Amino acid sequence: MRVAIGFGGGPDWARAATFVQEAEKLGVDFCWTAETWGFDAATPIGYLAGKTEKIRLGTGIMQLGSRSPAMLGMTAMTLNSLSNGRFTLGLGASGPQVVEGWHGVRFAKTLPRIRDAVNIVRMVTRGERVAYKGEYYELPLPGGEGKALKSSAPPMQIPIYLATLSPKSLELTGEIADGWIGTSFMPEHADVFFDHMRRGAERAGRSLEDIDIQAAGGVVQFSDDLERIIPPRKPGLAFTLGAMGSRQHNFYNAAYRRAGYADEAVAVQKLWLDGKRDEAAALVPDEMVLQTNLLGTEQMIRQRIRVHRDAGVNTIRVQPEGANLDERLETLSRVVRIVREEAPE
């Protein structure tokens, strides 16, 4: 099993980059950026490419609704070149609140859009002439003056990972992606994700083992005082259940409902959307916090790593807790050691 971390630098980019540099020395394998409606996911990769040497760098994720497939391909090739072949392109559909509210693009035909975008990006990065007709995209546009072009950059092999949650999008991930960027993940309920991905993989003539399963392990905090460290994690889960989408479309909430927390997820969402955020956080079950994070004594965290390993996770994405850089690195060092001991590659 490999270890991944996230990178969100602003406004102190240099300090955040130092954490990634030290993580690289500890043997961390992946570093992912993200974007919502603040900083973008691509630009920080270019910054990190000049600050690191070995760690793989990926966008986790770039939003499909904000860029054309050709621009996705161009950006991926640039970042891969800047990082000397260390780049992984992570893509996701996001949700209607962001896509329609921020980018002004209709959140419709999501699955055809993902499939077409991945196909076109691969044509671009492989150096093929892009003449494509899909269900969502057609290049060149018919009836105009456009012509089928191919990239002037040299061909590259760039892995494409998808961040998906709904059953149909998980099937598509199993069918076409090199890897999965998993969130809202509890290894005890991995089947609510993996069964769908396995179905898609088999439809494409491959197996789930052909896909790099990158799943969120959550916050890592070593302590023998669970009563102290569980409550601070609840507001974040309440935000995910209540705010990461609209009342009609919250894919994170739906994933937790499928994992057996239907009543809790619905109740927390309602309280959050009604403005009762403290009550929403208080309603999040302790068990949900423990299953979505790595909290407790070293033995407890070691056991959680085993559960992820046995569920089929290839790469565990962690967020080390700490009051300062040194404490975060100490926590990261401990969890990297445990992963190497419990789940050697």
Foldseek 3Di string as FASTA:
>chain_A
DAAEEEADQPPNNVQSLVLVQLLVVLPHAEYEYEDFQDDFGQVVLLVSLVSHQGHAYEYQAGALLQDALLVLLVSQVVSCVSNVNRYAYEYENQACCRNCVPVVDHSPPRVQSVVVSLVQSQCQQQFHFDQDDTPPDGPPDPPDDHDGGHDPDHHDDHFYEYEDQDLVVLLVRLQDHQEYEYELDFLVQCCSRQVSSQNSVVVNVHGPVSYQYEYEQEEADEDACLVPPQLVCLLVVLCLLAPSYDPVDRRSLVNVVVSPCVVLSNVSNVCVVVVNSVVSSVSDDSVSSVRNHQYYHLVSSLVSLLSCVVSPHNYYYYAYDDPDSVNSSVRSSSSSVSCCVNPND
